[in-house]
Amino acid sequence: MTEQQLDLREIPPPQRHPKIFKAFEEVESGDALTLVNDHEPTPLYHQMAAEVESFDAEGYTVDRVGANEFIVTLPKK
């Protein structure tokens, strides 16, 4: 599995979801988009699960690696 990474920590919050959705569109089937975020993106998970048919919700993972650092994996079917 190939992963692309997007660091969201310096991106203003209103611009994050559009950037994530655009980057996820570019990911090949079977690959994943990895996010570095300053909080756990629970609303993003629910939005992806509801709106993006190619999002593999079962393969979604979040790892907290610091006080304000989360590594999120968004796999694509």
N, C-alpha and C. Protein backbone atom coordinates (compact mmCIF):
# COMPACT_ATOMS: atom_id res chain seq x y z
N MET A 1 0.84 -1.18 0.00
CA MET A 1 0.00 0.00 0.00
C MET A 1 0.89 1.25 0.00
N THR A 2 0.61 2.16 -0.89
CA THR A 2 1.31 3.43 -0.96
C THR A 2 0.53 4.47 -0.18
N GLU A 3 1.25 5.33 0.54
CA GLU A 3 0.57 6.36 1.30
C GLU A 3 1.09 7.73 0.89
N GLN A 4 0.15 8.66 0.75
CA GLN A 4 0.48 10.06 0.55
C GLN A 4 0.25 10.74 1.89
N GLN A 5 1.06 11.75 2.22
CA GLN A 5 0.91 12.40 3.51
C GLN A 5 0.58 13.88 3.33
N LEU A 6 -0.33 14.36 4.19
CA LEU A 6 -0.75 15.76 4.17
C LEU A 6 -0.68 16.27 5.61
N ASP A 7 0.16 17.29 5.85
CA ASP A 7 0.29 17.89 7.19
C ASP A 7 -0.67 19.06 7.27
N LEU A 8 -1.67 18.94 8.13
CA LEU A 8 -2.73 19.95 8.23
C LEU A 8 -2.48 20.98 9.32
N ARG A 9 -1.48 20.82 10.11
CA ARG A 9 -1.29 21.66 11.29
C ARG A 9 -1.13 23.14 10.99
N GLU A 10 -0.59 23.50 9.85
CA GLU A 10 -0.40 24.91 9.50
C GLU A 10 -1.50 25.44 8.57
N ILE A 11 -2.44 24.59 8.21
CA ILE A 11 -3.53 24.98 7.31
C ILE A 11 -4.70 25.49 8.14
N PRO A 12 -5.26 26.66 7.82
CA PRO A 12 -6.41 27.17 8.59
C PRO A 12 -7.57 26.16 8.56
N PRO A 13 -8.23 25.96 9.71
CA PRO A 13 -9.31 24.97 9.79
C PRO A 13 -10.36 25.01 8.67
N PRO A 14 -10.82 26.19 8.22
CA PRO A 14 -11.82 26.17 7.15
C PRO A 14 -11.33 25.59 5.83
N GLN A 15 -10.01 25.53 5.64
CA GLN A 15 -9.44 25.03 4.39
C GLN A 15 -9.07 23.55 4.45
N ARG A 16 -9.14 22.95 5.63
CA ARG A 16 -8.66 21.57 5.79
C ARG A 16 -9.49 20.54 5.05
N HIS A 17 -10.80 20.49 5.28
CA HIS A 17 -11.61 19.44 4.64
C HIS A 17 -11.54 19.51 3.12
N PRO A 18 -11.65 20.71 2.50
CA PRO A 18 -11.51 20.73 1.04
C PRO A 18 -10.17 20.17 0.56
N LYS A 19 -9.07 20.49 1.27
CA LYS A 19 -7.75 19.95 0.88
C LYS A 19 -7.71 18.43 1.04
N ILE A 20 -8.30 17.94 2.11
CA ILE A 20 -8.31 16.49 2.37
C ILE A 20 -9.09 15.77 1.28
N PHE A 21 -10.28 16.27 0.95
CA PHE A 21 -11.11 15.61 -0.06
C PHE A 21 -10.43 15.63 -1.42
N LYS A 22 -9.78 16.75 -1.77
CA LYS A 22 -9.06 16.83 -3.05
C LYS A 22 -7.90 15.83 -3.08
N ALA A 23 -7.13 15.79 -1.99
CA ALA A 23 -6.00 14.86 -1.94
C ALA A 23 -6.48 13.41 -1.97
N PHE A 24 -7.59 13.11 -1.29
CA PHE A 24 -8.10 11.75 -1.26
C PHE A 24 -8.55 11.30 -2.66
N GLU A 25 -9.12 12.23 -3.44
CA GLU A 25 -9.52 11.90 -4.82
C GLU A 25 -8.34 11.43 -5.65
N GLU A 26 -7.15 11.96 -5.36
CA GLU A 26 -5.95 11.64 -6.14
C GLU A 26 -5.30 10.32 -5.72
N VAL A 27 -5.72 9.77 -4.58
CA VAL A 27 -5.16 8.51 -4.09
C VAL A 27 -5.72 7.36 -4.93
N GLU A 28 -4.85 6.43 -5.30
CA GLU A 28 -5.26 5.26 -6.07
C GLU A 28 -6.00 4.26 -5.18
N SER A 29 -6.87 3.50 -5.77
CA SER A 29 -7.58 2.44 -5.05
C SER A 29 -6.56 1.49 -4.41
N GLY A 30 -6.78 1.14 -3.14
CA GLY A 30 -5.86 0.26 -2.43
C GLY A 30 -4.77 1.01 -1.69
N ASP A 31 -4.65 2.30 -1.93
CA ASP A 31 -3.66 3.13 -1.25
C ASP A 31 -4.34 3.92 -0.14
N ALA A 32 -3.59 4.81 0.52
CA ALA A 32 -4.14 5.56 1.64
C ALA A 32 -3.59 6.98 1.66
N LEU A 33 -4.35 7.87 2.25
CA LEU A 33 -3.93 9.23 2.52
C LEU A 33 -3.66 9.30 4.02
N THR A 34 -2.46 9.76 4.38
CA THR A 34 -2.11 9.91 5.79
C THR A 34 -2.12 11.39 6.14
N LEU A 35 -2.78 11.71 7.23
CA LEU A 35 -2.87 13.09 7.69
C LEU A 35 -2.09 13.25 8.98
N VAL A 36 -1.47 14.42 9.14
CA VAL A 36 -0.88 14.82 10.41
C VAL A 36 -1.75 15.98 10.86
N ASN A 37 -2.37 15.83 12.03
CA ASN A 37 -3.36 16.81 12.47
C ASN A 37 -3.10 17.20 13.92
N ASP A 38 -3.66 18.32 14.34
CA ASP A 38 -3.48 18.80 15.72
C ASP A 38 -4.61 18.37 16.65
N HIS A 39 -5.55 17.61 16.13
CA HIS A 39 -6.65 17.06 16.94
C HIS A 39 -7.17 15.80 16.27
N GLU A 40 -7.92 15.01 17.02
CA GLU A 40 -8.52 13.80 16.44
C GLU A 40 -9.68 14.22 15.54
N PRO A 41 -9.65 13.86 14.26
CA PRO A 41 -10.65 14.36 13.31
C PRO A 41 -11.91 13.49 13.23
N THR A 42 -12.60 13.35 14.33
CA THR A 42 -13.82 12.54 14.35
C THR A 42 -14.87 13.04 13.36
N PRO A 43 -15.13 14.36 13.28
CA PRO A 43 -16.11 14.82 12.28
C PRO A 43 -15.72 14.47 10.85
N LEU A 44 -14.42 14.51 10.55
CA LEU A 44 -13.95 14.13 9.22
C LEU A 44 -14.27 12.67 8.94
N TYR A 45 -14.02 11.81 9.90
CA TYR A 45 -14.34 10.38 9.73
C TYR A 45 -15.81 10.20 9.35
N HIS A 46 -16.70 10.84 10.10
CA HIS A 46 -18.14 10.69 9.84
C HIS A 46 -18.52 11.27 8.47
N GLN A 47 -17.92 12.39 8.10
CA GLN A 47 -18.21 12.98 6.79
C GLN A 47 -17.71 12.06 5.67
N MET A 48 -16.51 11.54 5.82
CA MET A 48 -15.97 10.64 4.79
C MET A 48 -16.83 9.38 4.67
N ALA A 49 -17.21 8.80 5.81
CA ALA A 49 -18.01 7.58 5.79
C ALA A 49 -19.37 7.81 5.13
N ALA A 50 -19.94 8.98 5.33
CA ALA A 50 -21.27 9.28 4.79
C ALA A 50 -21.23 9.70 3.32
N GLU A 51 -20.15 10.35 2.88
CA GLU A 51 -20.15 10.99 1.57
C GLU A 51 -19.21 10.38 0.53
N VAL A 52 -18.23 9.60 0.96
CA VAL A 52 -17.22 9.11 0.01
C VAL A 52 -17.29 7.58 -0.06
N GLU A 53 -17.86 7.10 -1.14
CA GLU A 53 -18.06 5.67 -1.32
C GLU A 53 -16.75 4.89 -1.32
N SER A 54 -15.68 5.49 -1.81
CA SER A 54 -14.40 4.79 -1.91
C SER A 54 -13.60 4.81 -0.61
N PHE A 55 -14.10 5.46 0.44
CA PHE A 55 -13.41 5.50 1.73
C PHE A 55 -13.61 4.17 2.44
N ASP A 56 -12.51 3.55 2.86
CA ASP A 56 -12.54 2.28 3.59
C ASP A 56 -12.59 2.57 5.09
N ALA A 57 -13.80 2.76 5.62
CA ALA A 57 -13.99 3.14 7.02
C ALA A 57 -13.43 2.08 7.97
N GLU A 58 -13.47 0.82 7.57
CA GLU A 58 -12.96 -0.26 8.43
C GLU A 58 -11.44 -0.19 8.59
N GLY A 59 -10.75 0.38 7.63
CA GLY A 59 -9.30 0.47 7.69
C GLY A 59 -8.79 1.78 8.28
N TYR A 60 -9.70 2.68 8.63
CA TYR A 60 -9.36 3.99 9.21
C TYR A 60 -8.64 3.82 10.54
N THR A 61 -7.55 4.55 10.73
CA THR A 61 -6.85 4.51 12.01
C THR A 61 -6.45 5.91 12.44
N VAL A 62 -6.35 6.09 13.77
CA VAL A 62 -5.85 7.33 14.35
C VAL A 62 -4.86 6.95 15.45
N ASP A 63 -3.69 7.54 15.40
CA ASP A 63 -2.68 7.33 16.44
C ASP A 63 -2.28 8.68 17.01
N ARG A 64 -2.40 8.81 18.32
CA ARG A 64 -1.94 10.03 18.98
C ARG A 64 -0.45 9.85 19.26
N VAL A 65 0.36 10.76 18.70
CA VAL A 65 1.80 10.64 18.87
C VAL A 65 2.38 11.77 19.71
N GLY A 66 1.54 12.72 20.10
CA GLY A 66 1.97 13.84 20.92
C GLY A 66 0.77 14.56 21.47
N ALA A 67 1.01 15.56 22.29
CA ALA A 67 -0.10 16.30 22.91
C ALA A 67 -1.04 16.88 21.86
N ASN A 68 -0.48 17.42 20.79
CA ASN A 68 -1.29 18.00 19.72
C ASN A 68 -0.90 17.44 18.36
N GLU A 69 -0.63 16.15 18.31
CA GLU A 69 -0.25 15.53 17.04
C GLU A 69 -0.91 14.17 16.90
N PHE A 70 -1.69 14.03 15.84
CA PHE A 70 -2.40 12.80 15.53
C PHE A 70 -2.04 12.39 14.12
N ILE A 71 -1.78 11.10 13.93
CA ILE A 71 -1.52 10.54 12.60
C ILE A 71 -2.78 9.75 12.22
N VAL A 72 -3.38 10.14 11.11
CA VAL A 72 -4.65 9.57 10.67
C VAL A 72 -4.43 8.90 9.32
N THR A 73 -4.92 7.69 9.16
CA THR A 73 -4.83 6.98 7.89
C THR A 73 -6.22 6.82 7.29
N LEU A 74 -6.37 7.35 6.07
CA LEU A 74 -7.64 7.25 5.33
C LEU A 74 -7.41 6.32 4.13
N PRO A 75 -7.73 5.04 4.28
CA PRO A 75 -7.53 4.11 3.16
C PRO A 75 -8.64 4.23 2.11
N LYS A 76 -8.27 3.91 0.89
CA LYS A 76 -9.22 3.96 -0.23
C LYS A 76 -9.47 2.55 -0.74
N LYS A 77 -10.75 2.22 -0.91
CA LYS A 77 -11.12 0.91 -1.44
C LYS A 77 -10.66 0.75 -2.87
